[in-house]
Amino acid sequence: MADAATSFEGHSKVSSVSIIAICQVAAMALWFSASAIVPALVAEYALSGFAQAALTSGVQAGFVLGCLVSAFLGLPDRVDPRRLFALSAAVGAGANALLLVVEPTSAIVPVLRLVTGACMAGVYPVGMKLASTWAKGDMGLMVGILVGALTLGSAAPHLFNALGGINWRIPLGLASVSALTRRLSSEPAWASVDSSRDRSSTAFSRRCSARRRIWRSTRSTAIQPKAIAMVAASMGVKVSPK
């Protein structure tokens, strides 16, 4: 019975981490989708140096902003990470696809890249969080797989430039379709193999949030012993306040 349980857990781990890595590869294609087509846009629309820089750096600025907002609001702990990942990939795909219908020289283009970068903050870090729940003495392997998926996915749009002679709209559209497809296909799979891990992670996050609220409500030094007893009780340890 124990061997069967171990075998099932191992199979679930491989399946889950594989799904996460594949979805990372597909979604992260949005990162450099616009950067890869800059030479074609310069040739067709004579983009200025500032427009080229904005098109390239907008996603990085958006990623930093998205990470700060996500960390401040605690989104990966408050929202189901699977749904956050899927929603971020879908919104990012939509913002990236809008580049096909707006003028490349318009001011809305850097804004769309900023939105795409912010959405990537709900893909890469959240994917790391999901993969880390399966780590059991092999965290380095989990991180290596996800970093490899990030590198492969973000480099994918440049493959089309290497082929040459392809309209710039094709890699841009394929990146959006890839991210949207992963969003639609990943959520059911994650729901089936990651539910127990997700419940465990959510319960842990709730306990941490409860302990933070206790400390915030007991800042006075006069009642710190009671606060310590309350926190200890939430951890299952009995401590008598003095």
C-alpha atoms as a PDB file:
ATOM      1  CA  MET A   1       0.000   0.000   0.000  1.00  0.00           C
ATOM      2  CA  ALA A   2       2.828   2.384   0.923  1.00  0.00           C
ATOM      3  CA  ASP A   3       4.654   1.600  -2.317  1.00  0.00           C
ATOM      4  CA  ALA A   4       1.487   2.301  -4.312  1.00  0.00           C
ATOM      5  CA  ALA A   5       0.993   5.643  -2.547  1.00  0.00           C
ATOM      6  CA  THR A   6       4.613   6.589  -3.151  1.00  0.00           C
ATOM      7  CA  SER A   7       4.350   5.624  -6.803  1.00  0.00           C
ATOM      8  CA  PHE A   8       1.150   7.666  -7.230  1.00  0.00           C
ATOM      9  CA  GLU A   9       2.693  10.719  -5.578  1.00  0.00           C
ATOM     10  CA  GLY A  10       5.755  10.412  -7.778  1.00  0.00           C
ATOM     11  CA  HIS A  11       3.601  10.184 -10.890  1.00  0.00           C
ATOM     12  CA  SER A  12       1.556  13.207  -9.768  1.00  0.00           C
ATOM     13  CA  LYS A  13       4.742  15.155  -9.113  1.00  0.00           C
ATOM     14  CA  VAL A  14       6.162  14.451 -12.571  1.00  0.00           C
ATOM     15  CA  SER A  15       2.849  15.280 -14.224  1.00  0.00           C
ATOM     16  CA  SER A  16       2.324  18.493 -12.285  1.00  0.00           C
ATOM     17  CA  VAL A  17       5.843  19.839 -12.726  1.00  0.00           C
ATOM     18  CA  SER A  18       5.748  18.936 -16.435  1.00  0.00           C
ATOM     19  CA  ILE A  19       2.458  20.803 -16.890  1.00  0.00           C
ATOM     20  CA  ILE A  20       3.807  23.843 -15.064  1.00  0.00           C
ATOM     21  CA  ALA A  21       7.015  23.859 -17.146  1.00  0.00           C
ATOM     22  CA  ILE A  22       5.135  23.510 -20.459  1.00  0.00           C
ATOM     23  CA  CYS A  23       2.764  26.316 -19.504  1.00  0.00           C
ATOM     24  CA  GLN A  24       5.724  28.482 -18.521  1.00  0.00           C
ATOM     25  CA  VAL A  25       7.352  27.918 -21.907  1.00  0.00           C
ATOM     26  CA  ALA A  26       4.146  28.842 -23.745  1.00  0.00           C
ATOM     27  CA  ALA A  27       3.238  31.876 -21.631  1.00  0.00           C
ATOM     28  CA  MET A  28       6.728  33.351 -21.407  1.00  0.00           C
ATOM     29  CA  ALA A  29       6.834  33.651 -25.202  1.00  0.00           C
ATOM     30  CA  LEU A  30       5.010  36.938 -24.592  1.00  0.00           C
ATOM     31  CA  TRP A  31       8.091  38.408 -22.916  1.00  0.00           C
ATOM     32  CA  PHE A  32      10.248  38.995 -26.000  1.00  0.00           C
ATOM     33  CA  SER A  33       7.548  38.701 -28.654  1.00  0.00           C
ATOM     34  CA  ALA A  34       7.732  42.429 -29.420  1.00  0.00           C
ATOM     35  CA  SER A  35      11.493  42.693 -28.964  1.00  0.00           C
ATOM     36  CA  ALA A  36      12.013  39.996 -31.591  1.00  0.00           C
ATOM     37  CA  ILE A  37      10.141  41.981 -34.226  1.00  0.00           C
ATOM     38  CA  VAL A  38      11.809  45.354 -33.599  1.00  0.00           C
ATOM     39  CA  PRO A  39      14.083  45.073 -36.689  1.00  0.00           C
ATOM     40  CA  ALA A  40      11.048  44.411 -38.909  1.00  0.00           C
ATOM     41  CA  LEU A  41       9.137  47.325 -37.371  1.00  0.00           C
ATOM     42  CA  VAL A  42      12.092  49.664 -37.861  1.00  0.00           C
ATOM     43  CA  ALA A  43      12.286  48.693 -41.518  1.00  0.00           C
ATOM     44  CA  GLU A  44       8.540  49.104 -42.098  1.00  0.00           C
ATOM     45  CA  TYR A  45       7.621  52.020 -39.841  1.00  0.00           C
ATOM     46  CA  ALA A  46      10.989  53.733 -39.218  1.00  0.00           C
ATOM     47  CA  LEU A  47      10.607  53.569 -35.434  1.00  0.00           C
ATOM     48  CA  SER A  48      12.615  56.120 -33.492  1.00  0.00           C
ATOM     49  CA  GLY A  49      15.249  55.077 -30.993  1.00  0.00           C
ATOM     50  CA  PHE A  50      12.937  56.035 -28.125  1.00  0.00           C
ATOM     51  CA  ALA A  51      10.086  53.940 -29.533  1.00  0.00           C
ATOM     52  CA  GLN A  52      12.398  50.951 -29.891  1.00  0.00           C
ATOM     53  CA  ALA A  53      13.594  51.327 -26.297  1.00  0.00           C
ATOM     54  CA  ALA A  54      10.026  51.718 -25.009  1.00  0.00           C
ATOM     55  CA  LEU A  55       8.901  48.642 -26.916  1.00  0.00           C
ATOM     56  CA  THR A  56      11.732  46.590 -25.456  1.00  0.00           C
ATOM     57  CA  SER A  57      11.919  47.879 -21.894  1.00  0.00           C
ATOM     58  CA  GLY A  58       8.201  48.310 -21.303  1.00  0.00           C
ATOM     59  CA  VAL A  59       7.714  44.642 -20.435  1.00  0.00           C
ATOM     60  CA  GLN A  60      10.593  44.694 -17.928  1.00  0.00           C
ATOM     61  CA  ALA A  61       9.163  47.768 -16.208  1.00  0.00           C
ATOM     62  CA  GLY A  62       5.750  46.142 -16.140  1.00  0.00           C
ATOM     63  CA  PHE A  63       7.190  42.971 -14.643  1.00  0.00           C
ATOM     64  CA  VAL A  64       8.830  44.902 -11.809  1.00  0.00           C
ATOM     65  CA  LEU A  65       5.627  46.858 -11.164  1.00  0.00           C
ATOM     66  CA  GLY A  66       3.543  43.680 -11.274  1.00  0.00           C
ATOM     67  CA  CYS A  67       5.828  41.893  -8.827  1.00  0.00           C
ATOM     68  CA  LEU A  68       5.672  44.814  -6.383  1.00  0.00           C
ATOM     69  CA  VAL A  69       1.874  44.967  -6.520  1.00  0.00           C
ATOM     70  CA  SER A  70       1.560  41.182  -6.239  1.00  0.00           C
ATOM     71  CA  ALA A  71       3.888  41.085  -3.228  1.00  0.00           C
ATOM     72  CA  PHE A  72       2.214  44.041  -1.506  1.00  0.00           C
ATOM     73  CA  LEU A  73      -1.273  42.557  -1.917  1.00  0.00           C
ATOM     74  CA  GLY A  74      -0.126  38.980  -1.302  1.00  0.00           C
ATOM     75  CA  LEU A  75      -1.962  37.792  -4.412  1.00  0.00           C
ATOM     76  CA  PRO A  76      -0.343  34.315  -4.634  1.00  0.00           C
ATOM     77  CA  ASP A  77      -1.539  33.662  -1.065  1.00  0.00           C
ATOM     78  CA  ARG A  78      -4.970  35.242  -1.410  1.00  0.00           C
ATOM     79  CA  VAL A  79      -5.851  33.851  -4.851  1.00  0.00           C
ATOM     80  CA  ASP A  80      -5.659  30.265  -6.076  1.00  0.00           C
ATOM     81  CA  PRO A  81      -2.204  30.235  -7.765  1.00  0.00           C
ATOM     82  CA  ARG A  82      -3.522  28.107 -10.631  1.00  0.00           C
ATOM     83  CA  ARG A  83      -6.236  30.620 -11.447  1.00  0.00           C
ATOM     84  CA  LEU A  84      -3.861  33.550 -10.999  1.00  0.00           C
ATOM     85  CA  PHE A  85      -1.441  31.944 -13.451  1.00  0.00           C
ATOM     86  CA  ALA A  86      -4.205  31.247 -15.979  1.00  0.00           C
ATOM     87  CA  LEU A  87      -5.737  34.724 -15.696  1.00  0.00           C
ATOM     88  CA  SER A  88      -2.358  36.429 -16.024  1.00  0.00           C
ATOM     89  CA  ALA A  89      -1.536  34.417 -19.136  1.00  0.00           C
ATOM     90  CA  ALA A  90      -4.924  35.264 -20.687  1.00  0.00           C
ATOM     91  CA  VAL A  91      -4.683  39.009 -20.012  1.00  0.00           C
ATOM     92  CA  GLY A  92      -1.082  39.075 -21.211  1.00  0.00           C
ATOM     93  CA  ALA A  93      -2.068  37.279 -24.410  1.00  0.00           C
ATOM     94  CA  GLY A  94      -4.830  39.828 -24.993  1.00  0.00           C
ATOM     95  CA  ALA A  95      -2.522  42.802 -24.452  1.00  0.00           C
ATOM     96  CA  ASN A  96       0.059  41.273 -26.759  1.00  0.00           C
ATOM     97  CA  ALA A  97      -2.539  40.544 -29.455  1.00  0.00           C
ATOM     98  CA  LEU A  98      -3.694  44.182 -29.424  1.00  0.00           C
ATOM     99  CA  LEU A  99      -0.303  45.102 -30.887  1.00  0.00           C
ATOM    100  CA  LEU A 100      -1.621  43.634 -34.121  1.00  0.00           C
ATOM    101  CA  VAL A 101      -4.433  46.174 -34.402  1.00  0.00           C
ATOM    102  CA  VAL A 102      -2.796  49.390 -33.163  1.00  0.00           C
ATOM    103  CA  GLU A 103      -0.287  51.545 -34.994  1.00  0.00           C
ATOM    104  CA  PRO A 104       3.250  50.495 -33.926  1.00  0.00           C
ATOM    105  CA  THR A 105       4.227  54.162 -33.633  1.00  0.00           C
ATOM    106  CA  SER A 106       1.344  55.087 -31.295  1.00  0.00           C
ATOM    107  CA  ALA A 107       1.748  55.859 -27.601  1.00  0.00           C
ATOM    108  CA  ILE A 108      -0.497  52.934 -26.641  1.00  0.00           C
ATOM    109  CA  VAL A 109       2.145  50.378 -27.644  1.00  0.00           C
ATOM    110  CA  PRO A 110       4.442  50.935 -24.605  1.00  0.00           C
ATOM    111  CA  VAL A 111       1.351  50.788 -22.369  1.00  0.00           C
ATOM    112  CA  LEU A 112       0.393  47.412 -23.812  1.00  0.00           C
ATOM    113  CA  ARG A 113       3.928  46.155 -23.231  1.00  0.00           C
ATOM    114  CA  LEU A 114       3.721  47.437 -19.657  1.00  0.00           C
ATOM    115  CA  VAL A 115       0.497  45.461 -19.140  1.00  0.00           C
ATOM    116  CA  THR A 116       2.088  42.351 -20.666  1.00  0.00           C
ATOM    117  CA  GLY A 117       5.057  42.639 -18.316  1.00  0.00           C
ATOM    118  CA  ALA A 118       2.776  43.071 -15.301  1.00  0.00           C
ATOM    119  CA  CYS A 119       0.946  39.899 -16.312  1.00  0.00           C
ATOM    120  CA  MET A 120       4.249  38.031 -16.466  1.00  0.00           C
ATOM    121  CA  ALA A 121       4.516  38.698 -12.721  1.00  0.00           C
ATOM    122  CA  GLY A 122       1.547  36.359 -12.373  1.00  0.00           C
ATOM    123  CA  VAL A 123       3.194  33.670 -14.496  1.00  0.00           C
ATOM    124  CA  TYR A 124       6.869  33.224 -13.658  1.00  0.00           C
ATOM    125  CA  PRO A 125       6.891  33.778  -9.846  1.00  0.00           C
ATOM    126  CA  VAL A 126       3.565  31.971  -9.424  1.00  0.00           C
ATOM    127  CA  GLY A 127       4.886  29.055 -11.481  1.00  0.00           C
ATOM    128  CA  MET A 128       7.838  28.917  -9.103  1.00  0.00           C
ATOM    129  CA  LYS A 129       5.455  28.834  -6.145  1.00  0.00           C
ATOM    130  CA  LEU A 130       3.443  26.000  -7.683  1.00  0.00           C
ATOM    131  CA  ALA A 131       6.551  23.962  -8.474  1.00  0.00           C
ATOM    132  CA  SER A 132       8.032  24.539  -5.010  1.00  0.00           C
ATOM    133  CA  THR A 133       5.050  22.813  -3.373  1.00  0.00           C
ATOM    134  CA  TRP A 134       6.309  19.576  -4.946  1.00  0.00           C
ATOM    135  CA  ALA A 135       9.916  19.992  -3.819  1.00  0.00           C
ATOM    136  CA  LYS A 136      11.079  17.306  -1.438  1.00  0.00           C
ATOM    137  CA  GLY A 137      14.834  17.588  -1.090  1.00  0.00           C
ATOM    138  CA  ASP A 138      15.119  18.620  -4.744  1.00  0.00           C
ATOM    139  CA  MET A 139      14.319  22.331  -4.699  1.00  0.00           C
ATOM    140  CA  GLY A 140      17.357  22.994  -6.898  1.00  0.00           C
ATOM    141  CA  LEU A 141      15.923  20.710  -9.576  1.00  0.00           C
ATOM    142  CA  MET A 142      12.533  22.452  -9.427  1.00  0.00           C
ATOM    143  CA  VAL A 143      14.148  25.882  -9.780  1.00  0.00           C
ATOM    144  CA  GLY A 144      16.358  24.644 -12.618  1.00  0.00           C
ATOM    145  CA  ILE A 145      13.388  23.277 -14.545  1.00  0.00           C
ATOM    146  CA  LEU A 146      11.425  26.513 -14.188  1.00  0.00           C
ATOM    147  CA  VAL A 147      14.381  28.729 -15.104  1.00  0.00           C
ATOM    148  CA  GLY A 148      14.984  26.544 -18.145  1.00  0.00           C
ATOM    149  CA  ALA A 149      11.323  26.881 -19.113  1.00  0.00           C
ATOM    150  CA  LEU A 150      11.574  30.654 -18.699  1.00  0.00           C
ATOM    151  CA  THR A 151      14.650  30.829 -20.940  1.00  0.00           C
ATOM    152  CA  LEU A 152      13.180  28.581 -23.626  1.00  0.00           C
ATOM    153  CA  GLY A 153       9.840  30.355 -23.660  1.00  0.00           C
ATOM    154  CA  SER A 154      11.213  33.903 -23.740  1.00  0.00           C
ATOM    155  CA  ALA A 155      13.666  32.976 -26.522  1.00  0.00           C
ATOM    156  CA  ALA A 156      11.038  31.274 -28.698  1.00  0.00           C
ATOM    157  CA  PRO A 157       9.968  34.418 -30.641  1.00  0.00           C
ATOM    158  CA  HIS A 158      13.549  34.929 -31.850  1.00  0.00           C
ATOM    159  CA  LEU A 159      13.378  31.556 -33.607  1.00  0.00           C
ATOM    160  CA  PHE A 160      11.130  33.063 -36.269  1.00  0.00           C
ATOM    161  CA  ASN A 161      13.654  35.807 -36.970  1.00  0.00           C
ATOM    162  CA  ALA A 162      16.312  33.142 -37.453  1.00  0.00           C
ATOM    163  CA  LEU A 163      14.171  31.538 -40.163  1.00  0.00           C
ATOM    164  CA  GLY A 164      13.912  34.862 -42.005  1.00  0.00           C
ATOM    165  CA  GLY A 165      11.338  36.162 -44.478  1.00  0.00           C
ATOM    166  CA  ILE A 166       8.406  35.905 -42.061  1.00  0.00           C
ATOM    167  CA  ASN A 167       5.923  38.713 -41.547  1.00  0.00           C
ATOM    168  CA  TRP A 168       6.381  40.290 -38.099  1.00  0.00           C
ATOM    169  CA  ARG A 169       2.701  39.751 -37.301  1.00  0.00           C
ATOM    170  CA  ILE A 170       3.103  35.962 -37.347  1.00  0.00           C
ATOM    171  CA  PRO A 171       5.440  35.531 -34.326  1.00  0.00           C
ATOM    172  CA  LEU A 172       3.469  38.173 -32.436  1.00  0.00           C
ATOM    173  CA  GLY A 173       0.198  36.351 -33.080  1.00  0.00           C
ATOM    174  CA  LEU A 174       1.666  32.935 -32.350  1.00  0.00           C
ATOM    175  CA  ALA A 175       2.976  34.139 -28.986  1.00  0.00           C
ATOM    176  CA  SER A 176      -0.501  35.320 -28.007  1.00  0.00           C
ATOM    177  CA  VAL A 177      -2.156  32.116 -29.218  1.00  0.00           C
ATOM    178  CA  SER A 178       0.449  30.042 -27.374  1.00  0.00           C
ATOM    179  CA  ALA A 179      -0.154  31.840 -24.061  1.00  0.00           C
ATOM    180  CA  LEU A 180      -3.933  31.718 -24.456  1.00  0.00           C
ATOM    181  CA  THR A 181      -3.872  28.020 -25.356  1.00  0.00           C
ATOM    182  CA  ARG A 182      -1.819  27.198 -22.283  1.00  0.00           C
ATOM    183  CA  ARG A 183      -4.261  29.190 -20.177  1.00  0.00           C
ATOM    184  CA  LEU A 184      -7.233  27.188 -21.474  1.00  0.00           C
ATOM    185  CA  SER A 185      -5.537  23.797 -21.244  1.00  0.00           C
ATOM    186  CA  SER A 186      -3.617  24.135 -17.992  1.00  0.00           C
ATOM    187  CA  GLU A 187      -6.348  24.882 -15.456  1.00  0.00           C
ATOM    188  CA  PRO A 188      -8.243  21.555 -15.725  1.00  0.00           C
ATOM    189  CA  ALA A 189      -4.998  19.578 -15.471  1.00  0.00           C
ATOM    190  CA  TRP A 190      -3.798  21.535 -12.455  1.00  0.00           C
ATOM    191  CA  ALA A 191      -7.194  21.123 -10.797  1.00  0.00           C
ATOM    192  CA  SER A 192      -6.868  17.351 -11.000  1.00  0.00           C
ATOM    193  CA  VAL A 193      -3.292  16.856  -9.819  1.00  0.00           C
ATOM    194  CA  ASP A 194      -2.532  19.806  -7.559  1.00  0.00           C
ATOM    195  CA  SER A 195      -5.666  20.142  -5.457  1.00  0.00           C
ATOM    196  CA  SER A 196      -4.274  18.507  -2.293  1.00  0.00           C
ATOM    197  CA  ARG A 197      -1.037  20.482  -2.458  1.00  0.00           C
ATOM    198  CA  ASP A 198      -2.972  23.679  -3.060  1.00  0.00           C
ATOM    199  CA  ARG A 199      -5.201  23.105  -0.047  1.00  0.00           C
ATOM    200  CA  SER A 200      -2.136  22.525   2.105  1.00  0.00           C
ATOM    201  CA  SER A 201      -0.476  25.699   0.841  1.00  0.00           C
ATOM    202  CA  THR A 202      -3.655  27.736   1.323  1.00  0.00           C
ATOM    203  CA  ALA A 203      -4.117  26.479   4.875  1.00  0.00           C
ATOM    204  CA  PHE A 204      -0.517  27.405   5.701  1.00  0.00           C
ATOM    205  CA  SER A 205      -0.996  30.874   4.227  1.00  0.00           C
ATOM    206  CA  ARG A 206      -4.147  31.378   6.298  1.00  0.00           C
ATOM    207  CA  ARG A 207      -2.314  30.412   9.489  1.00  0.00           C
ATOM    208  CA  CYS A 208       0.476  32.881   8.688  1.00  0.00           C
ATOM    209  CA  SER A 209      -2.050  35.641   7.994  1.00  0.00           C
ATOM    210  CA  ALA A 210      -3.827  34.927  11.267  1.00  0.00           C
ATOM    211  CA  ARG A 211      -0.559  35.173  13.197  1.00  0.00           C
ATOM    212  CA  ARG A 212       0.296  38.484  11.514  1.00  0.00           C
ATOM    213  CA  ARG A 213      -3.094  39.893  12.468  1.00  0.00           C
ATOM    214  CA  ILE A 214      -2.549  38.844  16.067  1.00  0.00           C
ATOM    215  CA  TRP A 215       0.789  40.620  16.254  1.00  0.00           C
ATOM    216  CA  ARG A 216      -0.596  43.781  14.630  1.00  0.00           C
ATOM    217  CA  SER A 217      -3.446  43.943  17.137  1.00  0.00           C
ATOM    218  CA  THR A 218      -1.132  43.482  20.151  1.00  0.00           C
ATOM    219  CA  ARG A 219       1.596  46.087  19.688  1.00  0.00           C
ATOM    220  CA  SER A 220       1.485  47.225  23.310  1.00  0.00           C
ATOM    221  CA  THR A 221       4.350  45.733  25.347  1.00  0.00           C
ATOM    222  CA  ALA A 222       2.011  45.327  28.290  1.00  0.00           C
ATOM    223  CA  ILE A 223       0.097  42.539  26.551  1.00  0.00           C
ATOM    224  CA  GLN A 224       2.942  40.918  24.630  1.00  0.00           C
ATOM    225  CA  PRO A 225       2.916  37.765  26.846  1.00  0.00           C
ATOM    226  CA  LYS A 226      -0.746  37.205  25.916  1.00  0.00           C
ATOM    227  CA  ALA A 227       0.099  37.719  22.269  1.00  0.00           C
ATOM    228  CA  ILE A 228       2.861  35.126  22.513  1.00  0.00           C
ATOM    229  CA  ALA A 229       0.432  32.678  24.087  1.00  0.00           C
ATOM    230  CA  MET A 230      -2.127  33.310  21.322  1.00  0.00           C
ATOM    231  CA  VAL A 231       0.425  32.766  18.555  1.00  0.00           C
ATOM    232  CA  ALA A 232       1.731  29.642  20.263  1.00  0.00           C
ATOM    233  CA  ALA A 233      -1.824  28.329  20.592  1.00  0.00           C
ATOM    234  CA  SER A 234      -2.382  28.815  16.855  1.00  0.00           C
ATOM    235  CA  MET A 235       0.675  26.588  16.338  1.00  0.00           C
ATOM    236  CA  GLY A 236      -0.650  23.939  18.679  1.00  0.00           C
ATOM    237  CA  VAL A 237       1.766  24.772  21.534  1.00  0.00           C
ATOM    238  CA  LYS A 238       0.477  25.515  25.023  1.00  0.00           C
ATOM    239  CA  VAL A 239       2.188  28.462  26.734  1.00  0.00           C
ATOM    240  CA  SER A 240       0.966  30.088  29.921  1.00  0.00           C
ATOM    241  CA  PRO A 241       1.341  33.904  29.823  1.00  0.00           C
ATOM    242  CA  LYS A 242       3.071  35.384  32.852  1.00  0.00           C
END
